[in-house]
Amino acid sequence: MRIFIAGHNGMVGGALVRRWQREAGVTLLLRTRKELDLTSQSAVEAFYAAEKPDVAIIAAAKVGGIHANNTYPAEFLFDNLAIAANTIHGAYRTGVKRLLFLGSSCIYPKHAPQPMPEDCLLTGPLEPTNEAYAIAKITGLKLAQSYRKQYGVMFHSAMPTNLYGPGDNYHLQNSHVLPALIRKFHEAKAAGRDEVVAWGTGSPKREFLHVDDLADACAFVLRLDNPPDWINVGTGTDVTIRELTECVAEVTGFAGKIVWDTTKPDGTPRKLMDVSRLAGLGWKAKINLREGVAQTYASFLAEKAAGSLRG
């Protein structure tokens, strides 16, 4: 089996590579951004036609946290729309047998029912701070669904919750909350500081899924004969940002004070996935948050020592 993993150098793509490297009889088709521009329709179609993958997993995306999404909405919308359109349309045009498009929990309305079921999509306004990214991901999901409906191709999507793990982006301004906290507490401890400032009130609740669990879930749904058009992937449990912050402080060994800057935005009040559909099919996450944060901090230290830390 020939599997194309779009975005293999990212955190999610890296986990997918690790997962399929364990499988006998699998050839991974991997291209860097310099080797294959996913925002170019002609380049993507030429790649598909030449390499003839059996499966395409679209994990490539322009990603970032609240600050990045707020600051660069045009790039977040255009780049992610182009990636989705080119990879999905190109796969259909060149006869790719199966495609899995990876989205995000931010596709669901800001005030969606909690936990968020798949069928709450497009039932209310999106969270303004990541609306551009969400619209692009909704478009990709709907594009895959439409090609499946109209042409009978097995194109479907998975919507993961907040992800973390090896290879994450640790930029203090443009990263997601968990890696930003890891870096912030690590540097505070290393500098001997007695306090760390965290954004917001700490009251929003978030769900976190280790990328290795996501990769395992992707392998699971790709084995299904008739998967849903899109399916939530998460743990089904959440924690407050305050609880997460305290967990990261403990794992990194920071013993000082945590100060909350309430002038900074909280974002969506709660984002918990309803994962009952995936659980009903027979899959559930295995890595708990404390264990996952400890593994990720160990990866952070190794990446930092090797000079390969992102951000």
C-alpha atoms as a PDB file:
ATOM      1  CA  MET A   1       0.000   0.000   0.000  1.00  0.00           C
ATOM      2  CA  ARG A   2       1.260   3.433  -0.985  1.00  0.00           C
ATOM      3  CA  ILE A   3       0.248   6.133   1.514  1.00  0.00           C
ATOM      4  CA  PHE A   4       0.718   9.859   0.914  1.00  0.00           C
ATOM      5  CA  ILE A   5       0.940  11.827   4.163  1.00  0.00           C
ATOM      6  CA  ALA A   6       0.542  15.524   3.395  1.00  0.00           C
ATOM      7  CA  GLY A   7       2.296  17.566   6.057  1.00  0.00           C
ATOM      8  CA  HIS A   8       4.591  14.816   7.336  1.00  0.00           C
ATOM      9  CA  ASN A   9       7.020  17.286   8.922  1.00  0.00           C
ATOM     10  CA  GLY A  10       4.355  18.713  11.233  1.00  0.00           C
ATOM     11  CA  MET A  11       3.383  17.368  14.626  1.00  0.00           C
ATOM     12  CA  VAL A  12       0.394  15.415  13.298  1.00  0.00           C
ATOM     13  CA  GLY A  13       2.185  14.242  10.176  1.00  0.00           C
ATOM     14  CA  GLY A  14       5.125  13.037  12.253  1.00  0.00           C
ATOM     15  CA  ALA A  15       2.803  10.931  14.392  1.00  0.00           C
ATOM     16  CA  LEU A  16       1.213   9.457  11.254  1.00  0.00           C
ATOM     17  CA  VAL A  17       4.666   8.565   9.913  1.00  0.00           C
ATOM     18  CA  ARG A  18       5.581   6.868  13.197  1.00  0.00           C
ATOM     19  CA  ARG A  19       2.322   4.909  13.079  1.00  0.00           C
ATOM     20  CA  TRP A  20       2.684   3.610   9.522  1.00  0.00           C
ATOM     21  CA  GLN A  21       6.382   2.886   9.790  1.00  0.00           C
ATOM     22  CA  ARG A  22       5.326  -0.004  12.039  1.00  0.00           C
ATOM     23  CA  GLU A  23       3.186  -1.540   9.257  1.00  0.00           C
ATOM     24  CA  ALA A  24       4.629  -4.143   6.901  1.00  0.00           C
ATOM     25  CA  GLY A  25       3.955  -3.657   3.213  1.00  0.00           C
ATOM     26  CA  VAL A  26       3.454   0.116   3.434  1.00  0.00           C
ATOM     27  CA  THR A  27       5.359   2.612   1.290  1.00  0.00           C
ATOM     28  CA  LEU A  28       5.149   6.177   2.606  1.00  0.00           C
ATOM     29  CA  LEU A  29       5.098   8.979   0.055  1.00  0.00           C
ATOM     30  CA  LEU A  30       6.513  12.063   1.763  1.00  0.00           C
ATOM     31  CA  ARG A  31       7.296  15.486   0.346  1.00  0.00           C
ATOM     32  CA  THR A  32       8.545  18.629   2.063  1.00  0.00           C
ATOM     33  CA  ARG A  33       6.932  21.985   1.396  1.00  0.00           C
ATOM     34  CA  LYS A  34       9.836  22.866  -0.926  1.00  0.00           C
ATOM     35  CA  GLU A  35       9.384  19.616  -2.854  1.00  0.00           C
ATOM     36  CA  LEU A  36       5.600  19.913  -3.220  1.00  0.00           C
ATOM     37  CA  ASP A  37       3.613  23.138  -2.902  1.00  0.00           C
ATOM     38  CA  LEU A  38       0.156  22.034  -1.769  1.00  0.00           C
ATOM     39  CA  THR A  39      -1.270  25.460  -2.607  1.00  0.00           C
ATOM     40  CA  SER A  40      -0.487  24.766  -6.303  1.00  0.00           C
ATOM     41  CA  GLN A  41      -3.206  22.744  -8.047  1.00  0.00           C
ATOM     42  CA  SER A  42      -0.973  21.724 -10.940  1.00  0.00           C
ATOM     43  CA  ALA A  43       1.848  20.592  -8.650  1.00  0.00           C
ATOM     44  CA  VAL A  44      -0.475  18.473  -6.535  1.00  0.00           C
ATOM     45  CA  GLU A  45      -2.108  16.793  -9.529  1.00  0.00           C
ATOM     46  CA  ALA A  46       1.289  16.074 -11.107  1.00  0.00           C
ATOM     47  CA  PHE A  47       2.455  14.463  -7.866  1.00  0.00           C
ATOM     48  CA  TYR A  48      -0.656  12.279  -7.568  1.00  0.00           C
ATOM     49  CA  ALA A  49      -0.414  11.216 -11.224  1.00  0.00           C
ATOM     50  CA  ALA A  50       3.273  10.291 -10.927  1.00  0.00           C
ATOM     51  CA  GLU A  51       3.241   8.567  -7.529  1.00  0.00           C
ATOM     52  CA  LYS A  52      -0.234   6.965  -7.627  1.00  0.00           C
ATOM     53  CA  PRO A  53      -0.916   6.691  -3.870  1.00  0.00           C
ATOM     54  CA  ASP A  54      -3.586   4.245  -2.720  1.00  0.00           C
ATOM     55  CA  VAL A  55      -4.380   6.415   0.321  1.00  0.00           C
ATOM     56  CA  ALA A  56      -3.955  10.141   0.923  1.00  0.00           C
ATOM     57  CA  ILE A  57      -4.030  11.542   4.470  1.00  0.00           C
ATOM     58  CA  ILE A  58      -4.302  15.318   4.500  1.00  0.00           C
ATOM     59  CA  ALA A  59      -2.592  16.494   7.675  1.00  0.00           C
ATOM     60  CA  ALA A  60      -1.010  19.602   6.156  1.00  0.00           C
ATOM     61  CA  ALA A  61      -2.332  22.951   7.372  1.00  0.00           C
ATOM     62  CA  LYS A  62      -1.321  26.428   8.415  1.00  0.00           C
ATOM     63  CA  VAL A  63      -1.940  26.299  12.156  1.00  0.00           C
ATOM     64  CA  GLY A  64      -1.543  28.468  15.246  1.00  0.00           C
ATOM     65  CA  GLY A  65      -3.121  29.639  18.477  1.00  0.00           C
ATOM     66  CA  ILE A  66      -5.452  32.547  19.273  1.00  0.00           C
ATOM     67  CA  HIS A  67      -2.842  35.241  18.615  1.00  0.00           C
ATOM     68  CA  ALA A  68      -1.777  33.822  15.236  1.00  0.00           C
ATOM     69  CA  ASN A  69      -5.351  33.248  14.054  1.00  0.00           C
ATOM     70  CA  ASN A  70      -6.353  36.787  15.052  1.00  0.00           C
ATOM     71  CA  THR A  71      -3.328  38.377  13.404  1.00  0.00           C
ATOM     72  CA  TYR A  72      -3.195  36.489  10.091  1.00  0.00           C
ATOM     73  CA  PRO A  73      -6.794  35.558   9.122  1.00  0.00           C
ATOM     74  CA  ALA A  74      -6.246  36.048   5.373  1.00  0.00           C
ATOM     75  CA  GLU A  75      -3.328  33.617   5.274  1.00  0.00           C
ATOM     76  CA  PHE A  76      -5.121  31.114   7.501  1.00  0.00           C
ATOM     77  CA  LEU A  77      -8.173  31.161   5.224  1.00  0.00           C
ATOM     78  CA  PHE A  78      -6.428  31.178   1.833  1.00  0.00           C
ATOM     79  CA  ASP A  79      -3.646  28.680   2.550  1.00  0.00           C
ATOM     80  CA  ASN A  80      -5.943  26.144   4.207  1.00  0.00           C
ATOM     81  CA  LEU A  81      -8.620  26.503   1.517  1.00  0.00           C
ATOM     82  CA  ALA A  82      -6.007  25.943  -1.189  1.00  0.00           C
ATOM     83  CA  ILE A  83      -4.540  22.886   0.547  1.00  0.00           C
ATOM     84  CA  ALA A  84      -7.974  21.301   1.017  1.00  0.00           C
ATOM     85  CA  ALA A  85      -9.204  22.040  -2.507  1.00  0.00           C
ATOM     86  CA  ASN A  86      -6.049  20.901  -4.269  1.00  0.00           C
ATOM     87  CA  THR A  87      -5.463  17.700  -2.321  1.00  0.00           C
ATOM     88  CA  ILE A  88      -9.088  16.544  -2.459  1.00  0.00           C
ATOM     89  CA  HIS A  89      -9.850  17.532  -6.062  1.00  0.00           C
ATOM     90  CA  GLY A  90      -6.473  16.222  -7.229  1.00  0.00           C
ATOM     91  CA  ALA A  91      -7.063  12.887  -5.503  1.00  0.00           C
ATOM     92  CA  TYR A  92     -10.376  12.500  -7.310  1.00  0.00           C
ATOM     93  CA  ARG A  93      -8.923  13.538 -10.686  1.00  0.00           C
ATOM     94  CA  THR A  94      -6.058  11.036 -10.476  1.00  0.00           C
ATOM     95  CA  GLY A  95      -7.948   8.038  -9.072  1.00  0.00           C
ATOM     96  CA  VAL A  96      -6.742   7.928  -5.460  1.00  0.00           C
ATOM     97  CA  LYS A  97      -8.824   5.169  -3.868  1.00  0.00           C
ATOM     98  CA  ARG A  98      -9.147   6.587  -0.355  1.00  0.00           C
ATOM     99  CA  LEU A  99      -8.622   9.953   1.306  1.00  0.00           C
ATOM    100  CA  LEU A 100      -8.776  11.041   4.937  1.00  0.00           C
ATOM    101  CA  PHE A 101      -9.000  14.789   5.549  1.00  0.00           C
ATOM    102  CA  LEU A 102      -8.039  16.015   9.018  1.00  0.00           C
ATOM    103  CA  GLY A 103      -9.913  18.984  10.428  1.00  0.00           C
ATOM    104  CA  SER A 104     -10.334  20.450  13.901  1.00  0.00           C
ATOM    105  CA  SER A 105     -12.858  20.795  16.703  1.00  0.00           C
ATOM    106  CA  CYS A 106     -12.999  24.543  15.936  1.00  0.00           C
ATOM    107  CA  ILE A 107     -15.349  23.746  13.021  1.00  0.00           C
ATOM    108  CA  TYR A 108     -18.212  23.558  15.519  1.00  0.00           C
ATOM    109  CA  PRO A 109     -20.182  26.615  16.724  1.00  0.00           C
ATOM    110  CA  LYS A 110     -18.814  28.685  19.594  1.00  0.00           C
ATOM    111  CA  HIS A 111     -21.852  27.843  21.717  1.00  0.00           C
ATOM    112  CA  ALA A 112     -22.313  24.277  20.526  1.00  0.00           C
ATOM    113  CA  PRO A 113     -23.887  21.780  22.926  1.00  0.00           C
ATOM    114  CA  GLN A 114     -21.337  20.175  25.206  1.00  0.00           C
ATOM    115  CA  PRO A 115     -20.029  17.657  24.416  1.00  0.00           C
ATOM    116  CA  MET A 116     -20.123  18.594  20.712  1.00  0.00           C
ATOM    117  CA  PRO A 117     -21.738  15.987  18.436  1.00  0.00           C
ATOM    118  CA  GLU A 118     -20.903  15.748  14.741  1.00  0.00           C
ATOM    119  CA  ASP A 119     -24.382  16.921  13.725  1.00  0.00           C
ATOM    120  CA  CYS A 120     -24.042  20.328  15.426  1.00  0.00           C
ATOM    121  CA  LEU A 121     -21.907  21.471  12.479  1.00  0.00           C
ATOM    122  CA  LEU A 122     -23.202  24.714  10.886  1.00  0.00           C
ATOM    123  CA  THR A 123     -25.894  25.239  13.524  1.00  0.00           C
ATOM    124  CA  GLY A 124     -24.485  28.510  14.925  1.00  0.00           C
ATOM    125  CA  PRO A 125     -21.758  31.191  14.692  1.00  0.00           C
ATOM    126  CA  LEU A 126     -18.109  30.190  14.977  1.00  0.00           C
ATOM    127  CA  GLU A 127     -15.610  31.412  17.570  1.00  0.00           C
ATOM    128  CA  PRO A 128     -14.372  34.727  16.038  1.00  0.00           C
ATOM    129  CA  THR A 129     -10.737  34.229  17.102  1.00  0.00           C
ATOM    130  CA  ASN A 130     -10.260  31.239  14.758  1.00  0.00           C
ATOM    131  CA  GLU A 131     -13.099  31.707  12.274  1.00  0.00           C
ATOM    132  CA  ALA A 132     -10.848  31.827   9.184  1.00  0.00           C
ATOM    133  CA  TYR A 133      -9.173  28.513   9.983  1.00  0.00           C
ATOM    134  CA  ALA A 134     -12.503  26.909  10.874  1.00  0.00           C
ATOM    135  CA  ILE A 135     -14.159  27.995   7.610  1.00  0.00           C
ATOM    136  CA  ALA A 136     -11.320  26.459   5.609  1.00  0.00           C
ATOM    137  CA  LYS A 137     -11.587  23.182   7.513  1.00  0.00           C
ATOM    138  CA  ILE A 138     -15.378  23.086   7.128  1.00  0.00           C
ATOM    139  CA  THR A 139     -14.906  23.580   3.408  1.00  0.00           C
ATOM    140  CA  GLY A 140     -12.461  20.668   3.241  1.00  0.00           C
ATOM    141  CA  LEU A 141     -14.850  18.419   5.150  1.00  0.00           C
ATOM    142  CA  LYS A 142     -17.751  19.370   2.884  1.00  0.00           C
ATOM    143  CA  LEU A 143     -15.617  18.953  -0.225  1.00  0.00           C
ATOM    144  CA  ALA A 144     -14.667  15.399   0.775  1.00  0.00           C
ATOM    145  CA  GLN A 145     -18.312  14.669   1.610  1.00  0.00           C
ATOM    146  CA  SER A 146     -19.478  16.077  -1.730  1.00  0.00           C
ATOM    147  CA  TYR A 147     -17.025  14.046  -3.817  1.00  0.00           C
ATOM    148  CA  ARG A 148     -18.081  10.917  -1.936  1.00  0.00           C
ATOM    149  CA  LYS A 149     -21.775  11.679  -2.470  1.00  0.00           C
ATOM    150  CA  GLN A 150     -21.487  12.646  -6.124  1.00  0.00           C
ATOM    151  CA  TYR A 151     -18.798  10.264  -7.358  1.00  0.00           C
ATOM    152  CA  GLY A 152     -18.822   7.403  -4.839  1.00  0.00           C
ATOM    153  CA  VAL A 153     -15.163   7.809  -3.851  1.00  0.00           C
ATOM    154  CA  MET A 154     -14.183   6.861  -0.302  1.00  0.00           C
ATOM    155  CA  PHE A 155     -13.210  10.334   0.882  1.00  0.00           C
ATOM    156  CA  HIS A 156     -13.973  11.067   4.544  1.00  0.00           C
ATOM    157  CA  SER A 157     -12.765  13.219   7.426  1.00  0.00           C
ATOM    158  CA  ALA A 158     -11.675  13.088  11.051  1.00  0.00           C
ATOM    159  CA  MET A 159     -12.100  16.031  13.430  1.00  0.00           C
ATOM    160  CA  PRO A 160      -9.546  15.869  16.242  1.00  0.00           C
ATOM    161  CA  THR A 161      -9.735  17.876  19.421  1.00  0.00           C
ATOM    162  CA  ASN A 162      -6.785  19.962  20.715  1.00  0.00           C
ATOM    163  CA  LEU A 163      -3.598  18.049  19.922  1.00  0.00           C
ATOM    164  CA  TYR A 164      -0.178  17.944  21.530  1.00  0.00           C
ATOM    165  CA  GLY A 165       2.927  15.787  21.478  1.00  0.00           C
ATOM    166  CA  PRO A 166       6.404  15.424  19.949  1.00  0.00           C
ATOM    167  CA  GLY A 167       7.244  17.941  17.245  1.00  0.00           C
ATOM    168  CA  ASP A 168       4.846  20.624  18.456  1.00  0.00           C
ATOM    169  CA  ASN A 169       5.415  24.347  17.875  1.00  0.00           C
ATOM    170  CA  TYR A 170       6.677  26.004  21.055  1.00  0.00           C
ATOM    171  CA  HIS A 171       6.578  29.637  19.915  1.00  0.00           C
ATOM    172  CA  LEU A 172       5.384  31.728  22.862  1.00  0.00           C
ATOM    173  CA  GLN A 173       3.056  33.904  20.728  1.00  0.00           C
ATOM    174  CA  ASN A 174       1.954  31.723  17.804  1.00  0.00           C
ATOM    175  CA  SER A 175       1.637  28.273  19.379  1.00  0.00           C
ATOM    176  CA  HIS A 176      -1.269  26.533  21.082  1.00  0.00           C
ATOM    177  CA  VAL A 177      -1.776  26.700  24.817  1.00  0.00           C
ATOM    178  CA  LEU A 178      -0.127  23.460  25.965  1.00  0.00           C
ATOM    179  CA  PRO A 179       3.232  23.793  24.159  1.00  0.00           C
ATOM    180  CA  ALA A 180       3.361  27.508  25.035  1.00  0.00           C
ATOM    181  CA  LEU A 181       2.938  26.586  28.702  1.00  0.00           C
ATOM    182  CA  ILE A 182       5.653  23.929  28.511  1.00  0.00           C
ATOM    183  CA  ARG A 183       8.135  26.412  27.116  1.00  0.00           C
ATOM    184  CA  LYS A 184       7.066  29.185  29.473  1.00  0.00           C
ATOM    185  CA  PHE A 185       7.443  27.070  32.615  1.00  0.00           C
ATOM    186  CA  HIS A 186      10.670  25.448  31.437  1.00  0.00           C
ATOM    187  CA  GLU A 187      12.291  28.840  30.796  1.00  0.00           C
ATOM    188  CA  ALA A 188      10.990  30.269  34.072  1.00  0.00           C
ATOM    189  CA  LYS A 189      12.475  27.356  35.994  1.00  0.00           C
ATOM    190  CA  ALA A 190      15.780  27.582  34.107  1.00  0.00           C
ATOM    191  CA  ALA A 191      15.990  31.339  34.818  1.00  0.00           C
ATOM    192  CA  GLY A 192      15.067  30.906  38.475  1.00  0.00           C
ATOM    193  CA  ARG A 193      11.982  33.127  38.178  1.00  0.00           C
ATOM    194  CA  ASP A 194       9.445  32.960  40.985  1.00  0.00           C
ATOM    195  CA  GLU A 195       6.311  33.584  38.900  1.00  0.00           C
ATOM    196  CA  VAL A 196       4.798  32.810  35.506  1.00  0.00           C
ATOM    197  CA  VAL A 197       2.036  34.841  33.830  1.00  0.00           C
ATOM    198  CA  ALA A 198      -0.719  32.792  32.159  1.00  0.00           C
ATOM    199  CA  TRP A 199      -3.305  34.157  29.717  1.00  0.00           C
ATOM    200  CA  GLY A 200      -6.961  34.710  30.601  1.00  0.00           C
ATOM    201  CA  THR A 201      -8.903  33.609  33.652  1.00  0.00           C
ATOM    202  CA  GLY A 202      -8.056  29.913  33.575  1.00  0.00           C
ATOM    203  CA  SER A 203     -11.740  29.009  33.574  1.00  0.00           C
ATOM    204  CA  PRO A 204     -12.290  27.760  29.984  1.00  0.00           C
ATOM    205  CA  LYS A 205     -12.304  23.992  29.627  1.00  0.00           C
ATOM    206  CA  ARG A 206     -10.366  22.131  26.963  1.00  0.00           C
ATOM    207  CA  GLU A 207      -9.874  18.570  25.828  1.00  0.00           C
ATOM    208  CA  PHE A 208      -6.394  17.381  24.833  1.00  0.00           C
ATOM    209  CA  LEU A 209      -5.456  14.403  22.682  1.00  0.00           C
ATOM    210  CA  HIS A 210      -1.940  13.066  22.214  1.00  0.00           C
ATOM    211  CA  VAL A 211      -0.970  12.951  18.518  1.00  0.00           C
ATOM    212  CA  ASP A 212       0.007   9.287  18.764  1.00  0.00           C
ATOM    213  CA  ASP A 213      -3.571   8.535  19.806  1.00  0.00           C
ATOM    214  CA  LEU A 214      -4.822  10.544  16.815  1.00  0.00           C
ATOM    215  CA  ALA A 215      -2.567   8.561  14.457  1.00  0.00           C
ATOM    216  CA  ASP A 216      -3.947   5.322  15.880  1.00  0.00           C
ATOM    217  CA  ALA A 217      -7.510   6.598  15.404  1.00  0.00           C
ATOM    218  CA  CYS A 218      -6.718   7.489  11.773  1.00  0.00           C
ATOM    219  CA  ALA A 219      -5.474   3.953  11.146  1.00  0.00           C
ATOM    220  CA  PHE A 220      -8.656   2.640  12.743  1.00  0.00           C
ATOM    221  CA  VAL A 221     -11.104   4.680  10.641  1.00  0.00           C
ATOM    222  CA  LEU A 222      -9.153   3.938   7.454  1.00  0.00           C
ATOM    223  CA  ARG A 223      -9.828   0.253   8.072  1.00  0.00           C
ATOM    224  CA  LEU A 224     -13.594   0.811   8.246  1.00  0.00           C
ATOM    225  CA  ASP A 225     -15.547  -0.309   5.179  1.00  0.00           C
ATOM    226  CA  ASN A 226     -18.176   2.420   5.507  1.00  0.00           C
ATOM    227  CA  PRO A 227     -16.918   5.204   7.785  1.00  0.00           C
ATOM    228  CA  PRO A 228     -19.012   8.285   8.603  1.00  0.00           C
ATOM    229  CA  ASP A 229     -18.405  11.311   6.362  1.00  0.00           C
ATOM    230  CA  TRP A 230     -16.714  12.883   9.366  1.00  0.00           C
ATOM    231  CA  ILE A 231     -16.075  11.676  12.876  1.00  0.00           C
ATOM    232  CA  ASN A 232     -14.869  13.300  16.091  1.00  0.00           C
ATOM    233  CA  VAL A 233     -11.583  12.098  17.594  1.00  0.00           C
ATOM    234  CA  GLY A 234     -10.871  12.939  21.211  1.00  0.00           C
ATOM    235  CA  THR A 235     -10.710  11.623  24.740  1.00  0.00           C
ATOM    236  CA  GLY A 236     -14.240  12.588  25.794  1.00  0.00           C
ATOM    237  CA  THR A 237     -12.898  14.342  28.920  1.00  0.00           C
ATOM    238  CA  ASP A 238     -11.710  17.907  29.514  1.00  0.00           C
ATOM    239  CA  VAL A 239      -9.864  20.046  32.067  1.00  0.00           C
ATOM    240  CA  THR A 240      -9.836  23.748  32.868  1.00  0.00           C
ATOM    241  CA  ILE A 241      -6.923  25.801  31.553  1.00  0.00           C
ATOM    242  CA  ARG A 242      -6.035  26.402  35.196  1.00  0.00           C
ATOM    243  CA  GLU A 243      -5.810  22.641  35.821  1.00  0.00           C
ATOM    244  CA  LEU A 244      -3.741  22.207  32.673  1.00  0.00           C
ATOM    245  CA  THR A 245      -1.416  25.025  33.706  1.00  0.00           C
ATOM    246  CA  GLU A 246      -0.886  23.478  37.128  1.00  0.00           C
ATOM    247  CA  CYS A 247      -0.210  20.096  35.518  1.00  0.00           C
ATOM    248  CA  VAL A 248       2.463  21.569  33.229  1.00  0.00           C
ATOM    249  CA  ALA A 249       4.036  23.453  36.138  1.00  0.00           C
ATOM    250  CA  GLU A 250       4.282  20.212  38.088  1.00  0.00           C
ATOM    251  CA  VAL A 251       5.705  18.185  35.182  1.00  0.00           C
ATOM    252  CA  THR A 252       8.363  20.804  34.392  1.00  0.00           C
ATOM    253  CA  GLY A 253       9.287  21.177  38.046  1.00  0.00           C
ATOM    254  CA  PHE A 254       8.331  24.865  38.363  1.00  0.00           C
ATOM    255  CA  ALA A 255       7.543  25.628  41.991  1.00  0.00           C
ATOM    256  CA  GLY A 256       6.777  29.361  41.793  1.00  0.00           C
ATOM    257  CA  LYS A 257       3.560  31.368  41.561  1.00  0.00           C
ATOM    258  CA  ILE A 258       1.118  31.400  38.638  1.00  0.00           C
ATOM    259  CA  VAL A 259      -0.360  34.858  37.866  1.00  0.00           C
ATOM    260  CA  TRP A 260      -3.419  35.149  35.597  1.00  0.00           C
ATOM    261  CA  ASP A 261      -3.509  38.049  33.102  1.00  0.00           C
ATOM    262  CA  THR A 262      -7.265  38.567  32.726  1.00  0.00           C
ATOM    263  CA  THR A 263      -6.779  41.243  30.057  1.00  0.00           C
ATOM    264  CA  LYS A 264      -5.922  38.452  27.600  1.00  0.00           C
ATOM    265  CA  PRO A 265      -8.759  36.607  25.778  1.00  0.00           C
ATOM    266  CA  ASP A 266     -10.047  33.258  26.967  1.00  0.00           C
ATOM    267  CA  GLY A 267     -11.432  32.071  23.642  1.00  0.00           C
ATOM    268  CA  THR A 268     -14.268  29.560  23.507  1.00  0.00           C
ATOM    269  CA  PRO A 269     -15.710  28.785  26.990  1.00  0.00           C
ATOM    270  CA  ARG A 270     -15.661  25.027  26.456  1.00  0.00           C
ATOM    271  CA  LYS A 271     -14.692  22.633  23.672  1.00  0.00           C
ATOM    272  CA  LEU A 272     -15.413  19.020  24.499  1.00  0.00           C
ATOM    273  CA  MET A 273     -15.955  16.482  21.748  1.00  0.00           C
ATOM    274  CA  ASP A 274     -18.757  13.949  21.756  1.00  0.00           C
ATOM    275  CA  VAL A 275     -16.734  10.853  20.847  1.00  0.00           C
ATOM    276  CA  SER A 276     -19.562   8.357  21.283  1.00  0.00           C
ATOM    277  CA  ARG A 277     -19.725   7.626  17.548  1.00  0.00           C
ATOM    278  CA  LEU A 278     -16.063   6.586  17.402  1.00  0.00           C
ATOM    279  CA  ALA A 279     -16.326   4.716  20.707  1.00  0.00           C
ATOM    280  CA  GLY A 280     -19.333   2.848  19.349  1.00  0.00           C
ATOM    281  CA  LEU A 281     -17.206   1.685  16.426  1.00  0.00           C
ATOM    282  CA  GLY A 282     -14.591   0.340  18.840  1.00  0.00           C
ATOM    283  CA  TRP A 283     -11.850   2.955  19.364  1.00  0.00           C
ATOM    284  CA  LYS A 284     -10.860   5.041  22.389  1.00  0.00           C
ATOM    285  CA  ALA A 285      -7.819   7.072  23.423  1.00  0.00           C
ATOM    286  CA  LYS A 286      -5.151   5.359  25.517  1.00  0.00           C
ATOM    287  CA  ILE A 287      -2.739   8.120  26.681  1.00  0.00           C
ATOM    288  CA  ASN A 288      -3.921  10.100  29.723  1.00  0.00           C
ATOM    289  CA  LEU A 289      -3.092  13.805  30.034  1.00  0.00           C
ATOM    290  CA  ARG A 290      -0.516  13.603  32.850  1.00  0.00           C
ATOM    291  CA  GLU A 291       1.364  10.830  31.077  1.00  0.00           C
ATOM    292  CA  GLY A 292       1.103  12.644  27.745  1.00  0.00           C
ATOM    293  CA  VAL A 293       2.394  15.961  29.127  1.00  0.00           C
ATOM    294  CA  ALA A 294       5.364  14.164  30.718  1.00  0.00           C
ATOM    295  CA  GLN A 295       6.171  12.440  27.397  1.00  0.00           C
ATOM    296  CA  THR A 296       5.841  15.733  25.550  1.00  0.00           C
ATOM    297  CA  TYR A 297       8.123  17.556  27.988  1.00  0.00           C
ATOM    298  CA  ALA A 298      10.721  14.819  27.523  1.00  0.00           C
ATOM    299  CA  SER A 299      10.412  15.325  23.747  1.00  0.00           C
ATOM    300  CA  PHE A 300      10.728  19.098  24.223  1.00  0.00           C
ATOM    301  CA  LEU A 301      13.999  18.625  26.117  1.00  0.00           C
ATOM    302  CA  ALA A 302      15.345  16.209  23.495  1.00  0.00           C
ATOM    303  CA  GLU A 303      14.374  18.485  20.599  1.00  0.00           C
ATOM    304  CA  LYS A 304      15.908  21.482  22.377  1.00  0.00           C
ATOM    305  CA  ALA A 305      19.154  19.602  22.988  1.00  0.00           C
ATOM    306  CA  ALA A 306      19.258  18.494  19.346  1.00  0.00           C
ATOM    307  CA  GLY A 307      18.585  22.030  18.065  1.00  0.00           C
ATOM    308  CA  SER A 308      15.406  20.900  16.277  1.00  0.00           C
ATOM    309  CA  LEU A 309      12.859  22.673  18.496  1.00  0.00           C
ATOM    310  CA  ARG A 310      10.103  24.398  16.492  1.00  0.00           C
ATOM    311  CA  GLY A 311       9.317  27.952  17.535  1.00  0.00           C
END
